[in-house]
Amino acid sequence: MQNPVQTVDTAHFERMLLARKEEIERRLKKIDTDLGTLKSADSAERATEAENDEVLEEFGQVGEEELRAIDAALDRIANGRYGQCMKCGEQISVERLKAVPHTPFCKDCATSI
């Protein structure tokens, strides 16, 4: 069943996405800086630092994935397709876009993936 057409304030979501992108880029820069710092000569401290580096690298990977999703959402805004599910073509609810502004899928399609 097709949902009634909702008006999506793309300018609002574009501002949200750009602000989130800026925040992630700042975090990724800090992660890169932290990963590039000199390590301790103490072997016990080096082991702890190696574990910390693994966590930072994982955060960095998650951030990179979110950046790609944000860039794709910004492209959809530019192409006039923002808010349209990339799988079924139905409209994504405004509530879902507020929760996950970079989502390419409606709730039904996201849960079926």
N, C-alpha and C. Protein backbone atom coordinates (compact mmCIF):
# COMPACT_ATOMS: atom_id res chain seq x y z
N MET A 1 0.83 -1.18 0.00
CA MET A 1 0.00 0.00 0.00
C MET A 1 0.88 1.25 0.00
N GLN A 2 0.60 2.16 -0.86
CA GLN A 2 1.41 3.36 -0.99
C GLN A 2 1.04 4.37 0.09
N ASN A 3 2.06 4.95 0.69
CA ASN A 3 1.86 5.97 1.72
C ASN A 3 1.44 7.28 1.08
N PRO A 4 0.66 8.11 1.81
CA PRO A 4 0.35 9.44 1.27
C PRO A 4 1.65 10.24 1.12
N VAL A 5 1.70 11.08 0.12
CA VAL A 5 2.90 11.86 -0.15
C VAL A 5 3.13 12.87 0.98
N GLN A 6 4.35 12.85 1.50
CA GLN A 6 4.74 13.78 2.55
C GLN A 6 5.72 14.78 1.95
N THR A 7 5.69 15.98 2.46
CA THR A 7 6.65 16.98 2.03
C THR A 7 7.90 16.84 2.89
N VAL A 8 9.03 16.69 2.25
CA VAL A 8 10.29 16.55 2.95
C VAL A 8 11.07 17.85 2.78
N ASP A 9 11.42 18.45 3.91
CA ASP A 9 12.20 19.69 3.90
C ASP A 9 13.66 19.32 3.64
N THR A 10 14.02 19.21 2.37
CA THR A 10 15.37 18.76 2.03
C THR A 10 16.45 19.72 2.52
N ALA A 11 16.14 21.01 2.57
CA ALA A 11 17.13 21.99 3.06
C ALA A 11 17.46 21.70 4.52
N HIS A 12 16.46 21.35 5.30
CA HIS A 12 16.67 21.01 6.72
C HIS A 12 17.58 19.78 6.83
N PHE A 13 17.26 18.73 6.05
CA PHE A 13 18.05 17.50 6.12
C PHE A 13 19.45 17.71 5.55
N GLU A 14 19.57 18.57 4.55
CA GLU A 14 20.89 18.87 4.00
C GLU A 14 21.77 19.53 5.07
N ARG A 15 21.19 20.46 5.83
CA ARG A 15 21.95 21.11 6.92
C ARG A 15 22.36 20.07 7.96
N MET A 16 21.43 19.18 8.31
CA MET A 16 21.73 18.12 9.29
C MET A 16 22.88 17.23 8.79
N LEU A 17 22.78 16.81 7.55
CA LEU A 17 23.79 15.93 6.97
C LEU A 17 25.15 16.61 6.89
N LEU A 18 25.17 17.88 6.49
CA LEU A 18 26.44 18.61 6.40
C LEU A 18 27.07 18.81 7.78
N ALA A 19 26.25 19.08 8.79
CA ALA A 19 26.77 19.25 10.15
C ALA A 19 27.35 17.92 10.66
N ARG A 20 26.64 16.82 10.40
CA ARG A 20 27.12 15.51 10.83
C ARG A 20 28.41 15.15 10.09
N LYS A 21 28.47 15.47 8.80
CA LYS A 21 29.67 15.20 8.02
C LYS A 21 30.86 15.95 8.59
N GLU A 22 30.66 17.21 8.93
CA GLU A 22 31.74 18.02 9.51
C GLU A 22 32.21 17.42 10.84
N GLU A 23 31.25 16.99 11.66
CA GLU A 23 31.59 16.38 12.95
C GLU A 23 32.41 15.10 12.76
N ILE A 24 32.00 14.26 11.84
CA ILE A 24 32.73 13.01 11.59
C ILE A 24 34.11 13.30 11.05
N GLU A 25 34.23 14.25 10.14
CA GLU A 25 35.54 14.59 9.60
C GLU A 25 36.48 15.09 10.68
N ARG A 26 35.96 15.87 11.64
CA ARG A 26 36.80 16.32 12.78
C ARG A 26 37.26 15.12 13.60
N ARG A 27 36.34 14.20 13.87
CA ARG A 27 36.70 13.00 14.65
C ARG A 27 37.73 12.15 13.92
N LEU A 28 37.55 11.99 12.62
CA LEU A 28 38.50 11.18 11.85
C LEU A 28 39.87 11.83 11.84
N LYS A 29 39.92 13.14 11.78
CA LYS A 29 41.21 13.84 11.82
C LYS A 29 41.89 13.60 13.17
N LYS A 30 41.11 13.65 14.24
CA LYS A 30 41.67 13.39 15.58
C LYS A 30 42.14 11.94 15.69
N ILE A 31 41.38 11.02 15.14
CA ILE A 31 41.79 9.61 15.16
C ILE A 31 43.11 9.44 14.42
N ASP A 32 43.22 10.06 13.24
CA ASP A 32 44.47 9.97 12.47
C ASP A 32 45.64 10.54 13.27
N THR A 33 45.40 11.65 13.96
CA THR A 33 46.44 12.26 14.78
C THR A 33 46.83 11.32 15.92
N ASP A 34 45.83 10.76 16.59
CA ASP A 34 46.10 9.84 17.71
C ASP A 34 46.84 8.59 17.24
N LEU A 35 46.47 8.07 16.08
CA LEU A 35 47.14 6.87 15.57
C LEU A 35 48.58 7.18 15.14
N GLY A 36 48.85 8.42 14.80
CA GLY A 36 50.18 8.79 14.35
C GLY A 36 51.14 9.18 15.45
N THR A 37 50.67 9.18 16.72
CA THR A 37 51.56 9.57 17.81
C THR A 37 52.57 8.47 18.12
N LEU A 38 53.73 8.89 18.63
CA LEU A 38 54.77 7.95 19.00
C LEU A 38 54.30 7.03 20.10
N LYS A 39 54.71 5.78 20.00
CA LYS A 39 54.32 4.78 20.98
C LYS A 39 55.39 4.66 22.07
N SER A 40 54.95 4.18 23.20
CA SER A 40 55.84 4.02 24.35
C SER A 40 56.86 2.91 24.10
N ALA A 41 58.00 3.02 24.75
CA ALA A 41 59.03 1.98 24.66
C ALA A 41 58.70 0.82 25.60
N ASP A 42 57.86 1.06 26.59
CA ASP A 42 57.48 0.04 27.56
C ASP A 42 56.56 -0.99 26.89
N SER A 43 56.91 -2.28 26.98
CA SER A 43 56.16 -3.31 26.26
C SER A 43 54.72 -3.45 26.77
N ALA A 44 54.49 -3.28 28.07
CA ALA A 44 53.13 -3.38 28.60
C ALA A 44 52.28 -2.22 28.09
N GLU A 45 52.87 -1.04 28.07
CA GLU A 45 52.14 0.12 27.55
C GLU A 45 51.89 -0.01 26.05
N ARG A 46 52.85 -0.59 25.34
CA ARG A 46 52.70 -0.79 23.89
C ARG A 46 51.52 -1.71 23.60
N ALA A 47 51.34 -2.75 24.42
CA ALA A 47 50.22 -3.67 24.22
C ALA A 47 48.89 -2.95 24.41
N THR A 48 48.82 -2.11 25.44
CA THR A 48 47.61 -1.33 25.68
C THR A 48 47.38 -0.35 24.54
N GLU A 49 48.45 0.30 24.09
CA GLU A 49 48.32 1.25 22.99
C GLU A 49 47.88 0.55 21.71
N ALA A 50 48.36 -0.68 21.48
CA ALA A 50 47.96 -1.43 20.29
C ALA A 50 46.46 -1.74 20.34
N GLU A 51 45.97 -2.11 21.51
CA GLU A 51 44.53 -2.35 21.67
C GLU A 51 43.73 -1.07 21.42
N ASN A 52 44.22 0.03 21.97
CA ASN A 52 43.56 1.32 21.76
C ASN A 52 43.55 1.70 20.28
N ASP A 53 44.68 1.43 19.59
CA ASP A 53 44.76 1.73 18.16
C ASP A 53 43.73 0.92 17.37
N GLU A 54 43.53 -0.34 17.77
CA GLU A 54 42.54 -1.18 17.08
C GLU A 54 41.14 -0.58 17.23
N VAL A 55 40.83 -0.11 18.43
CA VAL A 55 39.53 0.51 18.67
C VAL A 55 39.40 1.78 17.84
N LEU A 56 40.45 2.60 17.83
CA LEU A 56 40.42 3.84 17.03
C LEU A 56 40.24 3.54 15.55
N GLU A 57 40.92 2.49 15.06
CA GLU A 57 40.79 2.14 13.65
C GLU A 57 39.37 1.70 13.33
N GLU A 58 38.75 0.95 14.25
CA GLU A 58 37.37 0.53 14.03
C GLU A 58 36.43 1.74 14.01
N PHE A 59 36.63 2.68 14.95
CA PHE A 59 35.84 3.92 14.94
C PHE A 59 36.04 4.65 13.62
N GLY A 60 37.27 4.67 13.14
CA GLY A 60 37.56 5.33 11.88
C GLY A 60 36.83 4.68 10.72
N GLN A 61 36.79 3.34 10.70
CA GLN A 61 36.09 2.62 9.64
C GLN A 61 34.59 2.91 9.67
N VAL A 62 34.01 2.92 10.86
CA VAL A 62 32.59 3.23 11.02
C VAL A 62 32.32 4.65 10.54
N GLY A 63 33.20 5.58 10.91
CA GLY A 63 33.06 6.96 10.47
C GLY A 63 33.14 7.10 8.96
N GLU A 64 34.07 6.38 8.35
CA GLU A 64 34.21 6.41 6.88
C GLU A 64 32.95 5.88 6.21
N GLU A 65 32.38 4.80 6.76
CA GLU A 65 31.14 4.24 6.20
C GLU A 65 29.99 5.24 6.30
N GLU A 66 29.90 5.91 7.45
CA GLU A 66 28.84 6.90 7.61
C GLU A 66 29.05 8.07 6.66
N LEU A 67 30.30 8.48 6.47
CA LEU A 67 30.58 9.57 5.52
C LEU A 67 30.12 9.20 4.11
N ARG A 68 30.38 7.96 3.69
CA ARG A 68 29.93 7.53 2.36
C ARG A 68 28.40 7.58 2.27
N ALA A 69 27.73 7.15 3.34
CA ALA A 69 26.26 7.18 3.35
C ALA A 69 25.74 8.62 3.31
N ILE A 70 26.41 9.51 4.04
CA ILE A 70 26.02 10.92 4.04
C ILE A 70 26.23 11.53 2.66
N ASP A 71 27.37 11.24 2.04
CA ASP A 71 27.63 11.77 0.70
C ASP A 71 26.58 11.26 -0.30
N ALA A 72 26.19 10.00 -0.18
CA ALA A 72 25.16 9.45 -1.06
C ALA A 72 23.83 10.15 -0.82
N ALA A 73 23.51 10.44 0.44
CA ALA A 73 22.26 11.15 0.76
C ALA A 73 22.31 12.57 0.19
N LEU A 74 23.46 13.23 0.29
CA LEU A 74 23.59 14.57 -0.28
C LEU A 74 23.44 14.54 -1.80
N ASP A 75 23.94 13.48 -2.43
CA ASP A 75 23.75 13.31 -3.87
C ASP A 75 22.27 13.13 -4.19
N ARG A 76 21.56 12.35 -3.36
CA ARG A 76 20.12 12.16 -3.59
C ARG A 76 19.37 13.48 -3.45
N ILE A 77 19.80 14.33 -2.52
CA ILE A 77 19.18 15.66 -2.39
C ILE A 77 19.42 16.45 -3.67
N ALA A 78 20.65 16.45 -4.13
CA ALA A 78 21.00 17.20 -5.35
C ALA A 78 20.24 16.69 -6.58
N ASN A 79 19.95 15.38 -6.59
CA ASN A 79 19.27 14.78 -7.74
C ASN A 79 17.75 14.73 -7.58
N GLY A 80 17.26 15.27 -6.46
CA GLY A 80 15.81 15.29 -6.25
C GLY A 80 15.22 13.95 -5.85
N ARG A 81 16.04 13.03 -5.35
CA ARG A 81 15.55 11.70 -4.98
C ARG A 81 15.63 11.44 -3.48
N TYR A 82 15.96 12.46 -2.72
CA TYR A 82 16.06 12.28 -1.27
C TYR A 82 14.69 11.96 -0.70
N GLY A 83 14.67 10.97 0.18
CA GLY A 83 13.42 10.57 0.82
C GLY A 83 12.70 9.48 0.08
N GLN A 84 13.26 9.05 -1.04
CA GLN A 84 12.68 7.96 -1.82
C GLN A 84 13.52 6.71 -1.58
N CYS A 85 12.89 5.60 -1.23
CA CYS A 85 13.60 4.35 -0.97
C CYS A 85 14.31 3.88 -2.23
N MET A 86 15.58 3.56 -2.10
CA MET A 86 16.37 3.13 -3.24
C MET A 86 16.08 1.68 -3.63
N LYS A 87 15.33 0.96 -2.79
CA LYS A 87 15.00 -0.42 -3.11
C LYS A 87 13.61 -0.54 -3.74
N CYS A 88 12.60 -0.01 -3.07
CA CYS A 88 11.22 -0.19 -3.55
C CYS A 88 10.64 1.05 -4.22
N GLY A 89 11.28 2.20 -4.04
CA GLY A 89 10.81 3.43 -4.67
C GLY A 89 9.76 4.18 -3.86
N GLU A 90 9.31 3.58 -2.77
CA GLU A 90 8.32 4.25 -1.92
C GLU A 90 8.98 5.39 -1.15
N GLN A 91 8.16 6.25 -0.61
CA GLN A 91 8.66 7.37 0.18
C GLN A 91 9.10 6.88 1.56
N ILE A 92 10.22 7.38 2.03
CA ILE A 92 10.72 7.10 3.38
C ILE A 92 10.01 8.06 4.32
N SER A 93 9.54 7.55 5.44
CA SER A 93 8.81 8.42 6.37
C SER A 93 9.73 9.50 6.93
N VAL A 94 9.15 10.65 7.19
CA VAL A 94 9.91 11.77 7.76
C VAL A 94 10.48 11.36 9.12
N GLU A 95 9.73 10.58 9.88
CA GLU A 95 10.21 10.12 11.19
C GLU A 95 11.49 9.31 11.03
N ARG A 96 11.52 8.44 10.02
CA ARG A 96 12.73 7.63 9.79
C ARG A 96 13.89 8.52 9.34
N LEU A 97 13.60 9.48 8.48
CA LEU A 97 14.65 10.40 8.02
C LEU A 97 15.19 11.23 9.18
N LYS A 98 14.33 11.59 10.12
CA LYS A 98 14.81 12.33 11.29
C LYS A 98 15.73 11.47 12.14
N ALA A 99 15.42 10.18 12.25
CA ALA A 99 16.24 9.27 13.05
C ALA A 99 17.54 8.91 12.34
N VAL A 100 17.46 8.67 11.03
CA VAL A 100 18.63 8.27 10.24
C VAL A 100 18.60 9.05 8.93
N PRO A 101 19.05 10.31 8.96
CA PRO A 101 18.90 11.17 7.78
C PRO A 101 19.63 10.68 6.53
N HIS A 102 20.61 9.81 6.69
CA HIS A 102 21.35 9.32 5.52
C HIS A 102 20.82 7.99 4.99
N THR A 103 19.71 7.50 5.55
CA THR A 103 19.21 6.21 5.12
C THR A 103 18.75 6.22 3.66
N PRO A 104 19.09 5.18 2.90
CA PRO A 104 18.59 5.07 1.54
C PRO A 104 17.33 4.20 1.45
N PHE A 105 16.88 3.65 2.59
CA PHE A 105 15.79 2.69 2.58
C PHE A 105 14.66 3.05 3.52
N CYS A 106 13.44 2.69 3.10
CA CYS A 106 12.29 2.82 4.00
C CYS A 106 12.43 1.75 5.08
N LYS A 107 11.61 1.85 6.09
CA LYS A 107 11.69 0.92 7.23
C LYS A 107 11.51 -0.53 6.78
N ASP A 108 10.53 -0.79 5.92
CA ASP A 108 10.27 -2.15 5.48
C ASP A 108 11.46 -2.75 4.73
N CYS A 109 12.02 -1.99 3.81
CA CYS A 109 13.17 -2.49 3.05
C CYS A 109 14.42 -2.62 3.90
N ALA A 110 14.60 -1.72 4.86
CA ALA A 110 15.77 -1.79 5.75
C ALA A 110 15.72 -3.05 6.61
N THR A 111 14.54 -3.46 7.03
CA THR A 111 14.43 -4.64 7.89
C THR A 111 14.50 -5.93 7.08
N SER A 112 14.30 -5.84 5.75
CA SER A 112 14.37 -7.04 4.92
C SER A 112 15.74 -7.29 4.33
N ILE A 113 16.69 -6.41 4.62
CA ILE A 113 18.05 -6.56 4.07
C ILE A 113 18.86 -7.50 4.93
